Amino acid sequence: FPLEMGKNQGHAQKTVGLQVGADGKIAWDAVIKHKSDKLQVWTRPEDSREKWSKAEELDRPTLELDVLNTERTQKALEMALNGKMQAGAPKKANKKEAEFVRYTPNPDAPGYTPNCRERVIKLVERQVDPFMPPKFKHKKVPKGPPSPPPPVHHSPAKKLTAQ
């Protein structure tokens, strides 16, 4: 072994061999139980039979408790359903009541009739159509001229001469 490379130095093997139980099935829990006799592992349903047998001995709920739980569940479901229905319903805006205004037209105005000197006008807020396109559009203002470039500070160019 040059430079002791490839020589077995007594390191523990990291792979676990395939083990078969007494019933002939593969013991998949061998990886967990490997080199640990103190560790108690429950990997199969048969290992926890005691727990299941204790659960089967529990008393069934009485009819009164069953009715009480049913009512509580029904109320909780109704509250959740009402909350979702209200969230999906259209929101009602604060509507103002109709307003009546007395109007006396100018006698010189066109359409003036002496029979109808005073009029009562009913002012009602118009319903807004949600699908109507916006009336005012935001216009992009063109950019102003850029700031002048910074001055370059160097000596002025000298005239070329024959010298």
Protein backbone atom coordinates (compact mmCIF):
# COMPACT_ATOMS: atom_id res chain seq x y z
CA PHE A 1 0.00 0.00 0.00
CA PRO A 2 1.89 3.11 -1.17
CA LEU A 3 1.40 5.99 1.28
CA GLU A 4 -1.01 3.73 3.22
CA MET A 5 -3.70 4.41 0.62
CA GLY A 6 -6.45 1.79 0.38
CA LYS A 7 -5.36 0.03 3.54
CA ASN A 8 -8.15 -0.93 5.93
CA GLN A 9 -7.51 1.00 9.12
CA GLY A 10 -10.23 -0.64 11.17
CA HIS A 11 -13.00 1.89 10.37
CA ALA A 12 -16.52 0.70 11.01
CA GLN A 13 -18.44 -0.38 7.96
CA LYS A 14 -21.12 2.15 7.00
CA THR A 15 -23.37 -0.19 5.02
CA VAL A 16 -25.86 -2.46 6.71
CA GLY A 17 -26.50 -5.88 5.31
CA LEU A 18 -29.97 -6.94 4.23
CA GLN A 19 -31.70 -8.72 7.11
CA VAL A 20 -34.77 -10.92 7.04
CA GLY A 21 -37.11 -11.43 9.99
CA ALA A 22 -38.49 -14.73 11.34
CA ASP A 23 -41.57 -14.42 9.10
CA GLY A 24 -39.42 -14.11 5.95
CA LYS A 25 -40.05 -10.38 5.38
CA ILE A 26 -37.26 -7.83 4.97
CA ALA A 27 -36.42 -5.98 8.19
CA TRP A 28 -36.31 -2.37 6.96
CA ASP A 29 -35.74 -1.08 10.50
CA ALA A 30 -32.27 -2.67 10.63
CA VAL A 31 -30.73 0.67 9.59
CA ILE A 32 -32.15 2.37 12.68
CA LYS A 33 -31.37 -0.48 15.07
CA HIS A 34 -27.81 -0.93 13.73
CA LYS A 35 -25.30 -1.12 16.63
CA SER A 36 -27.80 0.10 19.20
CA ASP A 37 -29.41 -2.43 21.50
CA LYS A 38 -30.58 0.28 23.90
CA LEU A 39 -32.71 2.07 21.29
CA GLN A 40 -36.30 0.87 21.18
CA VAL A 41 -37.85 1.42 17.76
CA TRP A 42 -41.51 0.90 16.83
CA THR A 43 -41.64 0.43 13.07
CA ARG A 44 -44.45 -2.07 12.54
CA PRO A 45 -48.12 -1.90 13.56
CA GLU A 46 -47.70 -5.16 15.48
CA ASP A 47 -45.19 -3.45 17.80
CA SER A 48 -47.77 -1.03 19.16
CA ARG A 49 -50.67 -3.42 19.78
CA GLU A 50 -50.86 -2.33 23.42
CA LYS A 51 -51.60 1.25 22.46
CA TRP A 52 -54.39 0.22 20.09
CA SER A 53 -56.03 -2.07 22.64
CA LYS A 54 -56.15 0.79 25.19
CA ALA A 55 -57.76 3.09 22.63
CA GLU A 56 -60.52 0.56 21.96
CA GLU A 57 -61.52 0.57 25.64
CA LEU A 58 -62.51 4.25 25.62
CA ASP A 59 -66.16 5.08 26.30
CA ARG A 60 -68.32 6.32 23.49
CA PRO A 61 -69.72 9.86 23.83
CA THR A 62 -73.25 10.18 25.18
CA LEU A 63 -76.14 11.39 23.05
CA GLU A 64 -76.17 14.79 24.80
CA LEU A 65 -72.47 15.36 24.14
CA ASP A 66 -72.94 14.27 20.54
CA VAL A 67 -75.81 16.76 20.01
CA LEU A 68 -73.78 19.54 21.68
CA ASN A 69 -70.77 18.90 19.42
CA THR A 70 -73.01 18.78 16.35
CA GLU A 71 -74.57 22.17 17.22
CA ARG A 72 -71.17 23.76 17.86
CA THR A 73 -69.84 22.45 14.56
CA GLN A 74 -72.93 23.66 12.69
CA LYS A 75 -72.63 27.18 14.17
CA ALA A 76 -68.93 27.35 13.29
CA LEU A 77 -69.64 26.27 9.70
CA GLU A 78 -72.47 28.80 9.35
CA MET A 79 -70.24 31.62 10.61
CA ALA A 80 -67.48 30.66 8.17
CA LEU A 81 -69.97 30.41 5.30
CA ASN A 82 -71.61 33.77 6.12
CA GLY A 83 -68.21 35.43 6.28
CA LYS A 84 -67.28 34.11 2.83
CA MET A 85 -70.65 35.09 1.35
CA GLN A 86 -70.38 38.64 2.71
CA ALA A 87 -66.84 38.97 1.41
CA GLY A 88 -67.99 38.04 -2.11
CA ALA A 89 -71.08 40.28 -2.09
CA PRO A 90 -70.73 43.74 -3.66
CA LYS A 91 -70.15 46.48 -1.14
CA LYS A 92 -72.85 49.08 -0.82
CA ALA A 93 -71.62 52.64 -0.89
CA ASN A 94 -73.08 55.23 1.46
CA LYS A 95 -76.02 56.46 -0.58
CA LYS A 96 -77.22 59.96 0.05
CA GLU A 97 -80.92 60.55 0.18
CA ALA A 98 -82.61 62.54 -2.55
CA GLU A 99 -82.32 66.31 -2.06
CA PHE A 100 -85.01 68.76 -3.15
CA VAL A 101 -84.01 72.27 -4.24
CA ARG A 102 -86.21 75.26 -5.11
CA TYR A 103 -85.15 76.97 -8.33
CA THR A 104 -86.35 80.36 -9.57
CA PRO A 105 -85.27 80.91 -13.18
CA ASN A 106 -84.23 84.31 -14.51
CA PRO A 107 -87.10 85.93 -16.47
CA ASP A 108 -84.66 86.80 -19.27
CA ALA A 109 -83.42 83.21 -19.62
CA PRO A 110 -84.49 81.22 -22.67
CA GLY A 111 -87.35 78.81 -22.01
CA TYR A 112 -88.84 80.97 -19.23
CA THR A 113 -92.58 80.69 -18.84
CA PRO A 114 -94.56 82.96 -16.52
CA ASN A 115 -96.82 80.02 -15.59
CA CYS A 116 -93.93 78.26 -13.91
CA ARG A 117 -92.06 80.89 -11.89
CA GLU A 118 -90.63 78.52 -9.33
CA ARG A 119 -89.52 74.93 -9.80
CA VAL A 120 -88.63 72.12 -7.40
CA ILE A 121 -85.71 70.00 -8.56
CA LYS A 122 -84.91 66.59 -7.13
CA LEU A 123 -81.14 65.95 -6.90
CA VAL A 124 -80.20 62.25 -6.87
CA GLU A 125 -76.68 60.81 -6.91
CA ARG A 126 -76.11 58.91 -10.14
CA GLN A 127 -75.09 55.26 -9.88
CA VAL A 128 -71.51 54.61 -10.97
CA ASP A 129 -70.95 51.92 -13.56
CA PRO A 130 -67.95 49.81 -12.46
CA PHE A 131 -67.14 48.82 -16.06
CA MET A 132 -66.99 52.39 -17.30
CA PRO A 133 -63.51 53.43 -18.44
CA PRO A 134 -61.86 56.20 -16.42
CA LYS A 135 -62.81 59.74 -17.43
CA PHE A 136 -59.44 61.29 -16.77
CA LYS A 137 -56.25 59.79 -18.07
CA HIS A 138 -52.84 60.51 -16.67
CA LYS A 139 -50.81 62.19 -19.37
CA LYS A 140 -47.08 61.80 -19.37
CA VAL A 141 -45.34 65.13 -19.44
CA PRO A 142 -42.29 65.21 -21.71
CA LYS A 143 -38.99 65.59 -19.95
CA GLY A 144 -37.40 68.99 -19.80
CA PRO A 145 -34.05 69.76 -21.39
CA PRO A 146 -31.14 68.04 -19.67
CA SER A 147 -28.83 70.01 -17.44
CA PRO A 148 -25.77 71.40 -19.25
CA PRO A 149 -22.72 69.17 -19.12
CA PRO A 150 -20.13 70.04 -16.47
CA PRO A 151 -17.40 72.38 -17.67
CA VAL A 152 -14.04 70.82 -18.54
CA HIS A 153 -11.24 72.67 -16.78
CA HIS A 154 -8.01 72.54 -18.80
CA SER A 155 -5.74 75.03 -20.46
CA PRO A 156 -6.83 76.38 -23.85
CA ALA A 157 -5.39 74.75 -26.94
CA LYS A 158 -2.22 76.41 -28.31
CA LYS A 159 -1.87 77.29 -31.97
CA LEU A 160 0.42 75.04 -33.92
CA THR A 161 3.44 76.75 -35.42
CA ALA A 162 6.33 75.60 -37.54
CA GLN A 163 8.63 75.58 -34.51
